[in-house]
Amino acid sequence: MKIILNKTKKRISAFENNKEIGYLTFYYPDDAAGSRNMEFCWLYINSEYRRKGIATKLIKEFLKNFKNIVWVSFWTGKDLEKEKAYGLYKKLGFEQKAFQEDYYEKGVGTRLFVKRIKKDL
């Protein structure tokens, strides 16, 4: 498997046999922090490749390449909530800061996770 970071497209992709099998997209929020903070937009792994550590590799690649940002954050998506697959983020040091009940539908909320990257500010 090959992991490729494209800073211009704000995307980290995982490839196997020249086929993209997963990706993580990110952006700088339009706020007063400028480029000190980032948000994950989307983390997707092709269903046949899930539970093989690919999401972990994509997030670790992000963390390795963006050590100068202060915070990274994201809200969980509907599929992640339905599968209760957010343990990965806790394992990688993200903290849940908020929960919105019934956000997507009755019984399916969304969670805000954050991680402090740069600590010397």
N, C-alpha and C. Protein backbone atom coordinates (compact mmCIF):
# COMPACT_ATOMS: atom_id res chain seq x y z
N MET A 1 0.84 -1.17 0.00
CA MET A 1 0.00 0.00 0.00
C MET A 1 0.89 1.24 0.00
N LYS A 2 0.44 2.25 -0.74
CA LYS A 2 1.17 3.51 -0.84
C LYS A 2 0.28 4.62 -0.32
N ILE A 3 0.84 5.50 0.52
CA ILE A 3 0.13 6.67 1.04
C ILE A 3 0.73 7.91 0.37
N ILE A 4 -0.14 8.75 -0.20
CA ILE A 4 0.33 9.95 -0.91
C ILE A 4 -0.40 11.17 -0.37
N LEU A 5 0.39 12.18 0.03
CA LEU A 5 -0.14 13.45 0.50
C LEU A 5 -0.12 14.44 -0.66
N ASN A 6 -1.23 15.09 -0.92
CA ASN A 6 -1.32 16.15 -1.92
C ASN A 6 -1.79 17.40 -1.18
N LYS A 7 -0.82 18.25 -0.79
CA LYS A 7 -1.15 19.45 -0.01
C LYS A 7 -1.98 20.43 -0.82
N THR A 8 -1.77 20.49 -2.12
CA THR A 8 -2.55 21.40 -2.97
C THR A 8 -4.03 21.03 -2.95
N LYS A 9 -4.32 19.74 -3.07
CA LYS A 9 -5.71 19.27 -3.05
C LYS A 9 -6.23 19.02 -1.64
N LYS A 10 -5.34 19.20 -0.65
CA LYS A 10 -5.70 18.96 0.76
C LYS A 10 -6.29 17.57 0.93
N ARG A 11 -5.50 16.59 0.48
CA ARG A 11 -5.97 15.20 0.46
C ARG A 11 -4.80 14.25 0.69
N ILE A 12 -5.05 13.23 1.51
CA ILE A 12 -4.10 12.14 1.69
C ILE A 12 -4.81 10.88 1.21
N SER A 13 -4.19 10.17 0.28
CA SER A 13 -4.83 9.00 -0.33
C SER A 13 -4.03 7.74 -0.07
N ALA A 14 -4.74 6.64 0.04
CA ALA A 14 -4.13 5.32 0.15
C ALA A 14 -4.41 4.58 -1.16
N PHE A 15 -3.34 4.02 -1.72
CA PHE A 15 -3.46 3.29 -2.99
C PHE A 15 -2.96 1.86 -2.83
N GLU A 16 -3.63 0.96 -3.52
CA GLU A 16 -3.17 -0.41 -3.64
C GLU A 16 -3.34 -0.81 -5.10
N ASN A 17 -2.24 -1.28 -5.70
CA ASN A 17 -2.25 -1.63 -7.13
C ASN A 17 -2.77 -0.47 -7.99
N ASN A 18 -2.29 0.74 -7.68
CA ASN A 18 -2.65 1.96 -8.40
C ASN A 18 -4.13 2.33 -8.32
N LYS A 19 -4.86 1.74 -7.39
CA LYS A 19 -6.27 2.05 -7.18
C LYS A 19 -6.42 2.76 -5.83
N GLU A 20 -7.10 3.90 -5.82
CA GLU A 20 -7.33 4.60 -4.56
C GLU A 20 -8.34 3.81 -3.74
N ILE A 21 -7.92 3.43 -2.54
CA ILE A 21 -8.79 2.61 -1.67
C ILE A 21 -9.29 3.38 -0.46
N GLY A 22 -8.78 4.59 -0.27
CA GLY A 22 -9.22 5.41 0.84
C GLY A 22 -8.59 6.78 0.78
N TYR A 23 -9.20 7.74 1.49
CA TYR A 23 -8.63 9.08 1.52
C TYR A 23 -9.12 9.84 2.74
N LEU A 24 -8.35 10.87 3.07
CA LEU A 24 -8.67 11.82 4.12
C LEU A 24 -8.55 13.20 3.50
N THR A 25 -9.62 14.01 3.58
CA THR A 25 -9.54 15.38 3.10
C THR A 25 -9.58 16.31 4.29
N PHE A 26 -8.97 17.48 4.15
CA PHE A 26 -8.85 18.43 5.25
C PHE A 26 -8.85 19.85 4.70
N TYR A 27 -9.05 20.81 5.57
CA TYR A 27 -9.02 22.20 5.15
C TYR A 27 -8.72 23.10 6.34
N TYR A 28 -8.34 24.34 6.02
CA TYR A 28 -8.17 25.37 7.03
C TYR A 28 -9.51 26.07 7.20
N PRO A 29 -10.09 26.09 8.39
CA PRO A 29 -11.38 26.77 8.56
C PRO A 29 -11.22 28.28 8.32
N ASP A 30 -12.27 28.89 7.88
CA ASP A 30 -12.28 30.32 7.62
C ASP A 30 -12.63 31.04 8.92
N ASP A 31 -11.60 31.20 9.75
CA ASP A 31 -11.82 31.86 11.04
C ASP A 31 -10.60 32.69 11.41
N ALA A 32 -10.62 33.29 12.57
CA ALA A 32 -9.55 34.18 13.01
C ALA A 32 -8.22 33.46 13.26
N ALA A 33 -8.24 32.14 13.36
CA ALA A 33 -7.00 31.39 13.64
C ALA A 33 -6.08 31.33 12.43
N GLY A 34 -6.57 31.71 11.26
CA GLY A 34 -5.74 31.64 10.06
C GLY A 34 -5.41 30.21 9.75
N SER A 35 -4.13 29.93 9.55
CA SER A 35 -3.71 28.57 9.20
C SER A 35 -3.17 27.80 10.40
N ARG A 36 -3.55 28.23 11.61
CA ARG A 36 -3.08 27.52 12.80
C ARG A 36 -3.90 26.28 13.12
N ASN A 37 -5.13 26.21 12.62
CA ASN A 37 -6.00 25.08 12.90
C ASN A 37 -6.44 24.43 11.59
N MET A 38 -6.79 23.14 11.65
CA MET A 38 -7.29 22.43 10.49
C MET A 38 -8.47 21.57 10.90
N GLU A 39 -9.29 21.23 9.91
CA GLU A 39 -10.41 20.33 10.13
C GLU A 39 -10.37 19.21 9.11
N PHE A 40 -10.73 18.02 9.56
CA PHE A 40 -10.94 16.92 8.63
C PHE A 40 -12.32 17.11 8.01
N CYS A 41 -12.39 16.96 6.70
CA CYS A 41 -13.69 17.03 6.01
C CYS A 41 -14.27 15.65 5.88
N TRP A 42 -13.46 14.73 5.42
CA TRP A 42 -13.99 13.43 5.05
C TRP A 42 -12.90 12.38 5.20
N LEU A 43 -13.23 11.28 5.83
CA LEU A 43 -12.34 10.11 5.89
C LEU A 43 -13.14 8.96 5.31
N TYR A 44 -12.64 8.41 4.22
CA TYR A 44 -13.36 7.33 3.54
C TYR A 44 -12.42 6.18 3.26
N ILE A 45 -12.87 4.98 3.56
CA ILE A 45 -12.14 3.76 3.22
C ILE A 45 -13.11 2.86 2.46
N ASN A 46 -12.70 2.38 1.29
CA ASN A 46 -13.52 1.46 0.50
C ASN A 46 -13.92 0.29 1.39
N SER A 47 -15.18 -0.12 1.34
CA SER A 47 -15.70 -1.12 2.28
C SER A 47 -14.90 -2.41 2.34
N GLU A 48 -14.34 -2.85 1.23
CA GLU A 48 -13.58 -4.11 1.25
C GLU A 48 -12.21 -3.96 1.90
N TYR A 49 -11.80 -2.74 2.22
CA TYR A 49 -10.50 -2.50 2.84
C TYR A 49 -10.61 -2.01 4.28
N ARG A 50 -11.81 -1.95 4.82
CA ARG A 50 -11.99 -1.46 6.19
C ARG A 50 -11.48 -2.46 7.21
N ARG A 51 -11.16 -1.93 8.38
CA ARG A 51 -10.65 -2.73 9.52
C ARG A 51 -9.28 -3.36 9.21
N LYS A 52 -8.49 -2.63 8.40
CA LYS A 52 -7.14 -3.10 8.07
C LYS A 52 -6.08 -2.07 8.42
N GLY A 53 -6.45 -1.04 9.19
CA GLY A 53 -5.49 -0.04 9.64
C GLY A 53 -5.26 1.10 8.66
N ILE A 54 -6.02 1.18 7.60
CA ILE A 54 -5.79 2.21 6.59
C ILE A 54 -6.16 3.59 7.13
N ALA A 55 -7.28 3.71 7.81
CA ALA A 55 -7.67 5.00 8.40
C ALA A 55 -6.61 5.48 9.38
N THR A 56 -6.09 4.58 10.18
CA THR A 56 -5.03 4.93 11.13
C THR A 56 -3.81 5.47 10.38
N LYS A 57 -3.42 4.81 9.31
CA LYS A 57 -2.25 5.26 8.53
C LYS A 57 -2.49 6.63 7.91
N LEU A 58 -3.69 6.88 7.42
CA LEU A 58 -3.99 8.19 6.82
C LEU A 58 -3.93 9.30 7.87
N ILE A 59 -4.50 9.05 9.04
CA ILE A 59 -4.47 10.06 10.10
C ILE A 59 -3.04 10.29 10.60
N LYS A 60 -2.28 9.23 10.77
CA LYS A 60 -0.89 9.37 11.21
C LYS A 60 -0.06 10.13 10.17
N GLU A 61 -0.32 9.90 8.90
CA GLU A 61 0.38 10.65 7.85
C GLU A 61 0.04 12.14 7.95
N PHE A 62 -1.22 12.45 8.19
CA PHE A 62 -1.62 13.84 8.39
C PHE A 62 -0.86 14.43 9.58
N LEU A 63 -0.89 13.76 10.72
CA LEU A 63 -0.25 14.27 11.93
C LEU A 63 1.25 14.45 11.74
N LYS A 64 1.87 13.58 10.99
CA LYS A 64 3.31 13.66 10.72
C LYS A 64 3.64 14.89 9.87
N ASN A 65 2.77 15.25 8.95
CA ASN A 65 3.06 16.32 8.00
C ASN A 65 2.57 17.70 8.42
N PHE A 66 1.75 17.78 9.46
CA PHE A 66 1.21 19.07 9.88
C PHE A 66 1.47 19.31 11.36
N LYS A 67 2.73 19.22 11.75
CA LYS A 67 3.11 19.39 13.15
C LYS A 67 3.03 20.83 13.63
N ASN A 68 2.95 21.80 12.70
CA ASN A 68 2.94 23.21 13.09
C ASN A 68 1.54 23.78 13.30
N ILE A 69 0.50 23.00 13.07
CA ILE A 69 -0.83 23.50 13.39
C ILE A 69 -1.08 23.31 14.88
N VAL A 70 -1.97 24.10 15.43
CA VAL A 70 -2.24 24.01 16.86
C VAL A 70 -3.30 22.94 17.14
N TRP A 71 -4.42 23.01 16.42
CA TRP A 71 -5.52 22.07 16.65
C TRP A 71 -5.98 21.45 15.35
N VAL A 72 -6.47 20.21 15.45
CA VAL A 72 -7.19 19.58 14.35
C VAL A 72 -8.51 19.08 14.94
N SER A 73 -9.59 19.25 14.17
CA SER A 73 -10.90 18.87 14.68
C SER A 73 -11.76 18.29 13.56
N PHE A 74 -12.85 17.65 13.96
CA PHE A 74 -13.82 17.13 12.99
C PHE A 74 -15.09 16.71 13.71
N TRP A 75 -16.19 16.69 12.97
CA TRP A 75 -17.46 16.15 13.44
C TRP A 75 -17.63 14.78 12.81
N THR A 76 -18.13 13.81 13.56
CA THR A 76 -18.32 12.47 13.02
C THR A 76 -19.47 12.44 12.03
N GLY A 77 -19.36 11.55 11.05
CA GLY A 77 -20.39 11.37 10.04
C GLY A 77 -21.40 10.32 10.45
N LYS A 78 -22.44 10.23 9.67
CA LYS A 78 -23.56 9.32 9.95
C LYS A 78 -23.11 7.86 10.01
N ASP A 79 -22.33 7.40 9.02
CA ASP A 79 -21.88 6.01 9.00
C ASP A 79 -21.01 5.69 10.21
N LEU A 80 -20.11 6.60 10.54
CA LEU A 80 -19.23 6.40 11.69
C LEU A 80 -20.05 6.26 12.97
N GLU A 81 -21.06 7.08 13.11
CA GLU A 81 -21.92 7.01 14.30
C GLU A 81 -22.72 5.71 14.33
N LYS A 82 -23.25 5.31 13.19
CA LYS A 82 -24.04 4.07 13.16
C LYS A 82 -23.18 2.86 13.50
N GLU A 83 -21.91 2.88 13.06
CA GLU A 83 -21.01 1.76 13.33
C GLU A 83 -20.31 1.89 14.67
N LYS A 84 -20.47 3.04 15.32
CA LYS A 84 -19.79 3.33 16.59
C LYS A 84 -18.29 3.08 16.47
N ALA A 85 -17.73 3.59 15.38
CA ALA A 85 -16.33 3.33 15.05
C ALA A 85 -15.40 4.48 15.45
N TYR A 86 -15.77 5.24 16.44
CA TYR A 86 -14.96 6.40 16.81
C TYR A 86 -13.87 6.07 17.82
N GLY A 87 -13.72 4.82 18.21
CA GLY A 87 -12.64 4.42 19.12
C GLY A 87 -11.27 4.68 18.53
N LEU A 88 -11.17 4.62 17.22
CA LEU A 88 -9.90 4.90 16.53
C LEU A 88 -9.38 6.28 16.90
N TYR A 89 -10.26 7.27 16.91
CA TYR A 89 -9.83 8.64 17.18
C TYR A 89 -9.35 8.79 18.61
N LYS A 90 -10.03 8.15 19.53
CA LYS A 90 -9.59 8.19 20.93
C LYS A 90 -8.22 7.53 21.07
N LYS A 91 -8.02 6.44 20.36
CA LYS A 91 -6.74 5.72 20.39
C LYS A 91 -5.60 6.61 19.88
N LEU A 92 -5.91 7.51 18.94
CA LEU A 92 -4.90 8.40 18.36
C LEU A 92 -4.79 9.73 19.10
N GLY A 93 -5.44 9.83 20.25
CA GLY A 93 -5.28 11.01 21.10
C GLY A 93 -6.29 12.12 20.89
N PHE A 94 -7.34 11.89 20.11
CA PHE A 94 -8.39 12.89 19.94
C PHE A 94 -9.33 12.80 21.15
N GLU A 95 -9.86 13.96 21.55
CA GLU A 95 -10.80 14.01 22.67
C GLU A 95 -12.17 14.44 22.17
N GLN A 96 -13.19 13.78 22.65
CA GLN A 96 -14.55 14.20 22.31
C GLN A 96 -14.90 15.43 23.14
N LYS A 97 -15.31 16.50 22.46
CA LYS A 97 -15.64 17.75 23.15
C LYS A 97 -17.13 18.08 23.14
N ALA A 98 -17.87 17.48 22.21
CA ALA A 98 -19.30 17.78 22.13
C ALA A 98 -20.04 16.61 21.51
N PHE A 99 -21.34 16.56 21.76
CA PHE A 99 -22.20 15.56 21.15
C PHE A 99 -23.54 16.21 20.85
N GLN A 100 -24.02 16.05 19.62
CA GLN A 100 -25.34 16.55 19.23
C GLN A 100 -26.23 15.33 18.98
N GLU A 101 -27.16 15.13 19.88
CA GLU A 101 -28.07 13.99 19.80
C GLU A 101 -29.03 14.13 18.62
N ASP A 102 -29.36 13.01 17.99
CA ASP A 102 -30.34 12.95 16.89
C ASP A 102 -30.01 13.91 15.74
N TYR A 103 -28.74 14.14 15.49
CA TYR A 103 -28.33 15.09 14.45
C TYR A 103 -28.69 14.59 13.05
N TYR A 104 -28.35 13.34 12.76
CA TYR A 104 -28.62 12.77 11.43
C TYR A 104 -30.03 12.20 11.32
N GLU A 105 -30.43 11.54 12.39
CA GLU A 105 -31.77 10.96 12.47
C GLU A 105 -31.97 10.54 13.92
N LYS A 106 -33.16 10.11 14.24
CA LYS A 106 -33.45 9.68 15.62
C LYS A 106 -32.46 8.57 16.03
N GLY A 107 -31.74 8.81 17.10
CA GLY A 107 -30.79 7.83 17.61
C GLY A 107 -29.40 7.89 16.98
N VAL A 108 -29.18 8.80 16.02
CA VAL A 108 -27.87 8.92 15.36
C VAL A 108 -27.41 10.37 15.45
N GLY A 109 -26.48 10.62 16.36
CA GLY A 109 -25.98 11.97 16.58
C GLY A 109 -24.68 12.23 15.84
N THR A 110 -23.96 13.22 16.30
CA THR A 110 -22.64 13.54 15.77
C THR A 110 -21.78 14.01 16.93
N ARG A 111 -20.48 13.76 16.84
CA ARG A 111 -19.53 14.11 17.91
C ARG A 111 -18.43 15.00 17.37
N LEU A 112 -18.02 15.96 18.17
CA LEU A 112 -16.88 16.81 17.84
C LEU A 112 -15.66 16.24 18.54
N PHE A 113 -14.64 15.91 17.75
CA PHE A 113 -13.35 15.45 18.29
C PHE A 113 -12.29 16.49 17.97
N VAL A 114 -11.37 16.70 18.91
CA VAL A 114 -10.26 17.63 18.70
C VAL A 114 -8.97 17.01 19.23
N LYS A 115 -7.87 17.49 18.66
CA LYS A 115 -6.55 17.07 19.14
C LYS A 115 -5.62 18.26 19.04
N ARG A 116 -4.92 18.53 20.11
CA ARG A 116 -3.91 19.59 20.11
C ARG A 116 -2.63 19.00 19.54
N ILE A 117 -2.08 19.66 18.53
CA ILE A 117 -0.86 19.17 17.88
C ILE A 117 0.36 19.92 18.42
N LYS A 118 0.38 21.21 18.22
CA LYS A 118 1.50 22.04 18.66
C LYS A 118 1.20 22.56 20.07
N LYS A 119 2.10 22.29 20.98
CA LYS A 119 1.82 22.56 22.38
C LYS A 119 2.52 23.82 22.92
N ASP A 120 3.40 24.42 22.16
CA ASP A 120 4.23 25.51 22.69
C ASP A 120 3.67 26.91 22.43
N LEU A 121 2.36 27.04 22.32
CA LEU A 121 1.77 28.37 22.14
C LEU A 121 1.06 28.81 23.39
